[in-house]
C-alpha atoms as a PDB file:
ATOM      1  CA  MET A   1      19.151   4.185  11.374  1.00  0.00           C
ATOM      2  CA  GLY A   2      15.783   4.661  12.989  1.00  0.00           C
ATOM      3  CA  ARG A   3      13.480   2.288  14.820  1.00  0.00           C
ATOM      4  CA  ILE A   4       9.963   1.027  13.877  1.00  0.00           C
ATOM      5  CA  ASP A   5       7.189   2.575  16.054  1.00  0.00           C
ATOM      6  CA  LEU A   6       4.881  -0.418  16.037  1.00  0.00           C
ATOM      7  CA  ASN A   7       1.894   1.643  17.151  1.00  0.00           C
ATOM      8  CA  ASP A   8       2.446   4.187  14.444  1.00  0.00           C
ATOM      9  CA  VAL A   9       3.000   1.738  11.505  1.00  0.00           C
ATOM     10  CA  LEU A  10       0.046  -0.437  12.516  1.00  0.00           C
ATOM     11  CA  GLN A  11      -2.553   2.215  13.397  1.00  0.00           C
ATOM     12  CA  LYS A  12      -1.941   5.049  11.043  1.00  0.00           C
ATOM     13  CA  PRO A  13      -2.744   3.008   7.929  1.00  0.00           C
ATOM     14  CA  VAL A  14      -6.261   2.502   9.230  1.00  0.00           C
ATOM     15  CA  GLU A  15      -6.576   6.336   9.492  1.00  0.00           C
ATOM     16  CA  ILE A  16      -5.262   6.839   5.939  1.00  0.00           C
ATOM     17  CA  LEU A  17      -7.608   4.246   4.529  1.00  0.00           C
ATOM     18  CA  LYS A  18     -10.546   5.862   6.349  1.00  0.00           C
ATOM     19  CA  GLY A  19      -9.714   9.211   4.815  1.00  0.00           C
ATOM     20  CA  ASN A  20      -8.982   8.206   1.247  1.00  0.00           C
ATOM     21  CA  TYR A  21     -10.948   5.563  -0.619  1.00  0.00           C
ATOM     22  CA  ASP A  22      -8.723   5.690  -3.653  1.00  0.00           C
ATOM     23  CA  PHE A  23      -6.458   3.242  -1.835  1.00  0.00           C
ATOM     24  CA  PHE A  24      -9.016   0.549  -2.594  1.00  0.00           C
ATOM     25  CA  VAL A  25      -8.837   0.965  -6.322  1.00  0.00           C
ATOM     26  CA  PRO A  26      -5.452  -0.640  -7.183  1.00  0.00           C
ATOM     27  CA  PRO A  27      -6.131  -3.763  -5.302  1.00  0.00           C
ATOM     28  CA  LEU A  28      -9.733  -3.927  -6.606  1.00  0.00           C
ATOM     29  CA  ILE A  29      -8.286  -4.545 -10.178  1.00  0.00           C
ATOM     30  CA  PRO A  30      -6.507  -7.897  -9.516  1.00  0.00           C
ATOM     31  CA  ALA A  31      -9.269  -8.840  -6.952  1.00  0.00           C
ATOM     32  CA  VAL A  32     -12.006  -8.428  -9.608  1.00  0.00           C
ATOM     33  CA  PHE A  33      -9.901 -10.339 -12.057  1.00  0.00           C
ATOM     34  CA  ASP A  34      -9.314 -13.192  -9.727  1.00  0.00           C
ATOM     35  CA  LEU A  35     -13.009 -13.219  -8.713  1.00  0.00           C
ATOM     36  CA  VAL A  36     -14.008 -13.695 -12.379  1.00  0.00           C
ATOM     37  CA  ALA A  37     -11.198 -15.880 -13.605  1.00  0.00           C
ATOM     38  CA  GLY A  38     -10.364 -17.801 -10.545  1.00  0.00           C
ATOM     39  CA  PRO A  39     -13.232 -20.417 -10.833  1.00  0.00           C
ATOM     40  CA  LYS A  40     -11.867 -21.254 -14.223  1.00  0.00           C
ATOM     41  CA  TYR A  41      -8.466 -22.328 -13.111  1.00  0.00           C
ATOM     42  CA  GLY A  42      -7.893 -25.832 -14.184  1.00  0.00           C
ATOM     43  CA  GLY A  43     -11.499 -26.284 -14.928  1.00  0.00           C
ATOM     44  CA  TYR A  44     -12.890 -28.665 -17.458  1.00  0.00           C
ATOM     45  CA  GLY A  45     -12.415 -27.419 -20.945  1.00  0.00           C
ATOM     46  CA  PHE A  46      -9.717 -24.905 -20.140  1.00  0.00           C
ATOM     47  CA  SER A  47      -6.164 -25.809 -21.167  1.00  0.00           C
ATOM     48  CA  ILE A  48      -3.074 -25.618 -18.895  1.00  0.00           C
ATOM     49  CA  SER A  49      -1.761 -22.668 -21.069  1.00  0.00           C
ATOM     50  CA  TYR A  50      -4.925 -20.816 -20.385  1.00  0.00           C
ATOM     51  CA  SER A  51      -4.501 -21.351 -16.647  1.00  0.00           C
ATOM     52  CA  LEU A  52      -0.940 -20.178 -16.766  1.00  0.00           C
ATOM     53  CA  LEU A  53      -1.863 -16.979 -18.752  1.00  0.00           C
ATOM     54  CA  VAL A  54      -4.550 -16.172 -16.217  1.00  0.00           C
ATOM     55  CA  SER A  55      -2.113 -16.696 -13.325  1.00  0.00           C
ATOM     56  CA  ALA A  56       0.506 -14.606 -14.959  1.00  0.00           C
ATOM     57  CA  VAL A  57      -1.979 -11.692 -15.617  1.00  0.00           C
ATOM     58  CA  SER A  58      -3.152 -11.985 -12.014  1.00  0.00           C
ATOM     59  CA  LEU A  59       0.487 -11.835 -10.832  1.00  0.00           C
ATOM     60  CA  ILE A  60       1.275  -8.755 -12.994  1.00  0.00           C
ATOM     61  CA  LEU A  61      -1.913  -6.988 -11.819  1.00  0.00           C
ATOM     62  CA  GLY A  62      -0.918  -7.673  -8.131  1.00  0.00           C
ATOM     63  CA  ILE A  63       2.563  -6.302  -8.770  1.00  0.00           C
ATOM     64  CA  ILE A  64       1.171  -3.064 -10.332  1.00  0.00           C
ATOM     65  CA  ALA A  65      -1.310  -2.655  -7.384  1.00  0.00           C
ATOM     66  CA  SER A  66       1.516  -3.032  -4.816  1.00  0.00           C
ATOM     67  CA  GLY A  67       3.736  -0.455  -6.500  1.00  0.00           C
ATOM     68  CA  ALA A  68       0.730   1.981  -6.988  1.00  0.00           C
ATOM     69  CA  LEU A  69      -0.046   1.635  -3.225  1.00  0.00           C
ATOM     70  CA  VAL A  70       3.406   2.353  -2.137  1.00  0.00           C
ATOM     71  CA  TYR A  71       3.610   5.544  -4.129  1.00  0.00           C
ATOM     72  CA  MET A  72       0.172   6.573  -2.914  1.00  0.00           C
ATOM     73  CA  ALA A  73       1.138   5.884   0.707  1.00  0.00           C
ATOM     74  CA  GLU A  74       4.160   8.194   0.289  1.00  0.00           C
ATOM     75  CA  VAL A  75       2.024  10.971  -1.204  1.00  0.00           C
ATOM     76  CA  GLU A  76      -0.472  10.640   1.542  1.00  0.00           C
ATOM     77  CA  LEU A  77       2.164  10.538   4.302  1.00  0.00           C
ATOM     78  CA  ASN A  78       3.573  13.824   2.886  1.00  0.00           C
ATOM     79  CA  GLY A  79       0.265  15.400   3.636  1.00  0.00           C
ATOM     80  CA  GLU A  80      -1.110  15.443   0.101  1.00  0.00           C
ATOM     81  CA  ARG A  81      -4.118  13.701  -1.385  1.00  0.00           C
ATOM     82  CA  ALA A  82      -3.114  10.422  -3.071  1.00  0.00           C
ATOM     83  CA  SER A  83      -4.672   9.609  -6.361  1.00  0.00           C
ATOM     84  CA  TYR A  84      -5.022   6.084  -7.663  1.00  0.00           C
ATOM     85  CA  ARG A  85      -4.571   7.230 -11.236  1.00  0.00           C
ATOM     86  CA  GLU A  86      -1.108   8.744 -10.315  1.00  0.00           C
ATOM     87  CA  GLY A  87      -0.187   5.712  -8.367  1.00  0.00           C
ATOM     88  CA  LEU A  88      -0.996   3.289 -11.181  1.00  0.00           C
ATOM     89  CA  ASN A  89       0.988   5.471 -13.670  1.00  0.00           C
ATOM     90  CA  VAL A  90       4.113   5.380 -11.446  1.00  0.00           C
ATOM     91  CA  ALA A  91       3.749   1.646 -11.064  1.00  0.00           C
ATOM     92  CA  LEU A  92       3.351   1.058 -14.691  1.00  0.00           C
ATOM     93  CA  GLU A  93       6.555   3.295 -15.357  1.00  0.00           C
ATOM     94  CA  ARG A  94       8.508   1.179 -12.884  1.00  0.00           C
ATOM     95  CA  LEU A  95       6.852  -2.202 -13.908  1.00  0.00           C
ATOM     96  CA  GLY A  96       9.992  -3.747 -15.376  1.00  0.00           C
ATOM     97  CA  ASP A  97      11.962  -3.307 -12.155  1.00  0.00           C
ATOM     98  CA  LEU A  98       8.939  -4.294  -9.988  1.00  0.00           C
ATOM     99  CA  VAL A  99       8.574  -7.534 -11.989  1.00  0.00           C
ATOM    100  CA  ILE A 100      12.291  -8.242 -11.781  1.00  0.00           C
ATOM    101  CA  ALA A 101      12.279  -7.757  -7.924  1.00  0.00           C
ATOM    102  CA  SER A 102       9.210  -9.909  -7.612  1.00  0.00           C
ATOM    103  CA  LEU A 103      10.650 -12.673  -9.706  1.00  0.00           C
ATOM    104  CA  ILE A 104      13.783 -12.718  -7.588  1.00  0.00           C
ATOM    105  CA  ILE A 105      11.767 -12.782  -4.329  1.00  0.00           C
ATOM    106  CA  GLY A 106       9.512 -15.542  -5.740  1.00  0.00           C
ATOM    107  CA  VAL A 107      12.338 -17.749  -6.992  1.00  0.00           C
ATOM    108  CA  GLY A 108      14.174 -17.308  -3.799  1.00  0.00           C
ATOM    109  CA  PHE A 109      11.161 -18.155  -1.805  1.00  0.00           C
ATOM    110  CA  VAL A 110      10.494 -21.407  -3.771  1.00  0.00           C
ATOM    111  CA  ILE A 111      14.157 -22.455  -3.403  1.00  0.00           C
ATOM    112  CA  GLY A 112      13.973 -21.699   0.326  1.00  0.00           C
ATOM    113  CA  LEU A 113      10.869 -23.796   0.678  1.00  0.00           C
ATOM    114  CA  ILE A 114      12.604 -26.717  -0.907  1.00  0.00           C
ATOM    115  CA  LEU A 115      15.269 -26.220   1.755  1.00  0.00           C
ATOM    116  CA  LEU A 116      12.899 -27.090   4.602  1.00  0.00           C
ATOM    117  CA  ILE A 117      10.699 -24.013   4.511  1.00  0.00           C
ATOM    118  CA  ILE A 118      12.489 -21.754   7.129  1.00  0.00           C
ATOM    119  CA  PRO A 119      15.052 -20.448   4.610  1.00  0.00           C
ATOM    120  CA  GLY A 120      12.042 -19.458   2.339  1.00  0.00           C
ATOM    121  CA  LEU A 121      10.375 -17.420   5.190  1.00  0.00           C
ATOM    122  CA  LEU A 122      13.776 -15.934   6.066  1.00  0.00           C
ATOM    123  CA  TRP A 123      14.087 -14.828   2.459  1.00  0.00           C
ATOM    124  CA  LEU A 124      10.627 -13.134   2.497  1.00  0.00           C
ATOM    125  CA  ILE A 125      11.624 -11.228   5.590  1.00  0.00           C
ATOM    126  CA  LEU A 126      14.905 -10.068   4.044  1.00  0.00           C
ATOM    127  CA  THR A 127      13.284  -8.804   0.894  1.00  0.00           C
ATOM    128  CA  ALA A 128      10.282  -7.207   2.513  1.00  0.00           C
ATOM    129  CA  PHE A 129      11.250  -3.732   1.583  1.00  0.00           C
ATOM    130  CA  ALA A 130      12.177  -4.353  -2.106  1.00  0.00           C
ATOM    131  CA  VAL A 131       8.938  -2.777  -3.621  1.00  0.00           C
ATOM    132  CA  PRO A 132       9.256   0.443  -1.514  1.00  0.00           C
ATOM    133  CA  LEU A 133      12.902   0.677  -2.686  1.00  0.00           C
ATOM    134  CA  VAL A 134      11.914   0.388  -6.347  1.00  0.00           C
ATOM    135  CA  ILE A 135       9.208   2.995  -6.082  1.00  0.00           C
ATOM    136  CA  LEU A 136      10.578   5.357  -3.554  1.00  0.00           C
ATOM    137  CA  GLU A 137      14.275   5.290  -4.327  1.00  0.00           C
ATOM    138  CA  ASN A 138      13.983   4.620  -8.076  1.00  0.00           C
ATOM    139  CA  MET A 139      16.174   1.439  -7.710  1.00  0.00           C
ATOM    140  CA  ASP A 140      16.339  -1.356 -10.240  1.00  0.00           C
ATOM    141  CA  GLY A 141      14.895  -4.737  -9.246  1.00  0.00           C
ATOM    142  CA  VAL A 142      18.284  -6.312  -8.237  1.00  0.00           C
ATOM    143  CA  GLY A 143      19.484  -3.193  -6.413  1.00  0.00           C
ATOM    144  CA  ALA A 144      16.169  -3.029  -4.503  1.00  0.00           C
ATOM    145  CA  VAL A 145      16.382  -6.584  -3.350  1.00  0.00           C
ATOM    146  CA  THR A 146      20.043  -6.239  -2.325  1.00  0.00           C
ATOM    147  CA  GLU A 147      19.356  -3.052  -0.391  1.00  0.00           C
ATOM    148  CA  SER A 148      16.308  -4.576   1.411  1.00  0.00           C
ATOM    149  CA  ILE A 149      18.482  -7.488   2.460  1.00  0.00           C
ATOM    150  CA  ARG A 150      21.102  -5.116   3.855  1.00  0.00           C
ATOM    151  CA  LEU A 151      18.562  -2.871   5.617  1.00  0.00           C
ATOM    152  CA  VAL A 152      16.765  -5.801   7.241  1.00  0.00           C
ATOM    153  CA  ARG A 153      20.057  -7.621   8.261  1.00  0.00           C
ATOM    154  CA  GLU A 154      21.037  -4.552  10.091  1.00  0.00           C
ATOM    155  CA  ASN A 155      17.745  -4.330  11.967  1.00  0.00           C
ATOM    156  CA  PHE A 156      16.725  -8.005  11.868  1.00  0.00           C
ATOM    157  CA  SER A 157      15.145  -8.496  15.318  1.00  0.00           C
ATOM    158  CA  GLU A 158      13.102  -5.316  15.023  1.00  0.00           C
ATOM    159  CA  VAL A 159      11.871  -6.107  11.559  1.00  0.00           C
ATOM    160  CA  LEU A 160      11.082  -9.659  12.563  1.00  0.00           C
ATOM    161  CA  VAL A 161       8.829  -8.507  15.515  1.00  0.00           C
ATOM    162  CA  TYR A 162       7.093  -6.032  13.115  1.00  0.00           C
ATOM    163  CA  LEU A 163       6.433  -8.463  10.471  1.00  0.00           C
ATOM    164  CA  VAL A 164       5.248 -11.095  12.907  1.00  0.00           C
ATOM    165  CA  VAL A 165       2.657  -8.722  14.305  1.00  0.00           C
ATOM    166  CA  LEU A 166       1.706  -7.456  10.897  1.00  0.00           C
ATOM    167  CA  ILE A 167       1.194 -10.939   9.645  1.00  0.00           C
ATOM    168  CA  ALA A 168      -0.902 -11.766  12.719  1.00  0.00           C
ATOM    169  CA  ILE A 169      -3.152  -8.900  12.083  1.00  0.00           C
ATOM    170  CA  VAL A 170      -3.532  -9.877   8.402  1.00  0.00           C
ATOM    171  CA  PHE A 171      -4.180 -13.507   9.403  1.00  0.00           C
ATOM    172  CA  VAL A 172      -6.940 -12.622  11.784  1.00  0.00           C
ATOM    173  CA  VAL A 173      -8.683 -10.161   9.455  1.00  0.00           C
ATOM    174  CA  SER A 174      -8.538 -12.712   6.668  1.00  0.00           C
ATOM    175  CA  VAL A 175      -9.893 -15.520   8.753  1.00  0.00           C
ATOM    176  CA  VAL A 176     -12.804 -13.412  10.009  1.00  0.00           C
ATOM    177  CA  LEU A 177     -13.635 -12.211   6.451  1.00  0.00           C
ATOM    178  CA  ASP A 178     -13.339 -15.713   5.171  1.00  0.00           C
ATOM    179  CA  PHE A 179     -16.714 -16.454   6.813  1.00  0.00           C
ATOM    180  CA  ILE A 180     -18.378 -14.291   4.221  1.00  0.00           C
ATOM    181  CA  PRO A 181     -19.549 -16.709   1.463  1.00  0.00           C
ATOM    182  CA  TYR A 182     -17.704 -16.416  -1.867  1.00  0.00           C
ATOM    183  CA  LEU A 183     -16.779 -12.704  -1.377  1.00  0.00           C
ATOM    184  CA  GLY A 184     -14.698 -13.255   1.759  1.00  0.00           C
ATOM    185  CA  PRO A 185     -11.299 -13.456   0.116  1.00  0.00           C
ATOM    186  CA  PHE A 186     -12.253 -10.680  -2.278  1.00  0.00           C
ATOM    187  CA  VAL A 187     -13.075  -8.245   0.596  1.00  0.00           C
ATOM    188  CA  ALA A 188     -10.091  -9.332   2.531  1.00  0.00           C
ATOM    189  CA  SER A 189      -7.766  -8.456  -0.357  1.00  0.00           C
ATOM    190  CA  LEU A 190      -9.276  -4.987  -0.754  1.00  0.00           C
ATOM    191  CA  LEU A 191      -8.598  -4.314   2.940  1.00  0.00           C
ATOM    192  CA  VAL A 192      -5.309  -6.018   3.689  1.00  0.00           C
ATOM    193  CA  THR A 193      -3.431  -5.163   0.496  1.00  0.00           C
ATOM    194  CA  PRO A 194      -3.444  -1.359   0.943  1.00  0.00           C
ATOM    195  CA  TYR A 195      -3.043  -1.683   4.701  1.00  0.00           C
ATOM    196  CA  VAL A 196       0.148  -3.683   4.259  1.00  0.00           C
ATOM    197  CA  SER A 197       1.566  -1.442   1.619  1.00  0.00           C
ATOM    198  CA  ILE A 198       1.055   1.798   3.782  1.00  0.00           C
ATOM    199  CA  SER A 199       2.545   0.060   6.774  1.00  0.00           C
ATOM    200  CA  LEU A 200       5.525  -1.255   4.888  1.00  0.00           C
ATOM    201  CA  THR A 201       6.192   2.185   3.501  1.00  0.00           C
ATOM    202  CA  MET A 202       6.088   3.831   6.941  1.00  0.00           C
ATOM    203  CA  ALA A 203       8.336   1.065   8.430  1.00  0.00           C
ATOM    204  CA  TYR A 204      10.758   1.586   5.595  1.00  0.00           C
ATOM    205  CA  HIS A 205      11.120   5.361   6.325  1.00  0.00           C
ATOM    206  CA  GLN A 206      11.509   4.676   9.991  1.00  0.00           C
ATOM    207  CA  LEU A 207      14.170   2.128   9.563  1.00  0.00           C
ATOM    208  CA  SER A 208      16.113   4.171   7.018  1.00  0.00           C
ATOM    209  CA  GLY A 209      15.985   7.188   9.251  1.00  0.00           C
ATOM    210  CA  GLU A 210      14.599   9.341   6.480  1.00  0.00           C
ATOM    211  CA  THR A 211      12.102  12.159   7.199  1.00  0.00           C
ATOM    212  CA  ILE A 212       8.962  11.612   5.071  1.00  0.00           C
ATOM    213  CA  GLY A 213       8.664  14.664   2.761  1.00  0.00           C
ATOM    214  CA  GLU A 214      12.240  14.739   1.653  1.00  0.00           C
ATOM    215  CA  GLU A 215      11.663  12.647  -1.451  1.00  0.00           C
ATOM    216  CA  SER A 216      10.509  14.236  -4.666  1.00  0.00           C
ATOM    217  CA  PHE A 217       8.775  12.619  -7.556  1.00  0.00           C
END
């Protein structure tokens, strides 16, 4: 097993984003959808079923974006130019497993919150690498969650420090951008989502001890 180089996994994503604007396309899709549909949630004249449908579509679009970004990060880290079209195609091909993994993570998180919050947060930490495992290792949803738990348990203190710092960065950026009227959350989503995906992809490789470039697609 390797170790997470905090400077590397927190700084290199910024360099990658500066050099390839394709990374902003996948998160743009759910962000635009939320921007347009968001004000209608629960609004007068809209049924609960409509709100649930919009929420479900938003969730699926977010899952697709996350999968696409992980694939694109892998391509970019291999020294090639990442394309958002290719990333979206791969995410759509793996959508079933991505949805299963996301549902397992979501249900576990809700149950954990019911059990006094901390178990829910712990569950999110343990399953942090499920999406990279689905995309990069071609695992099914259940297998990806299981493998993520194993990987994190073996490196828990290191992963915890990494995620705390990552979340702190995301929080600060989100708070600052929130001062932008109406568009703040929209801009934050476009910046934070690809940054986190690239960082998680790098951290996964470092923890697993794999040399980036060995995988083939």
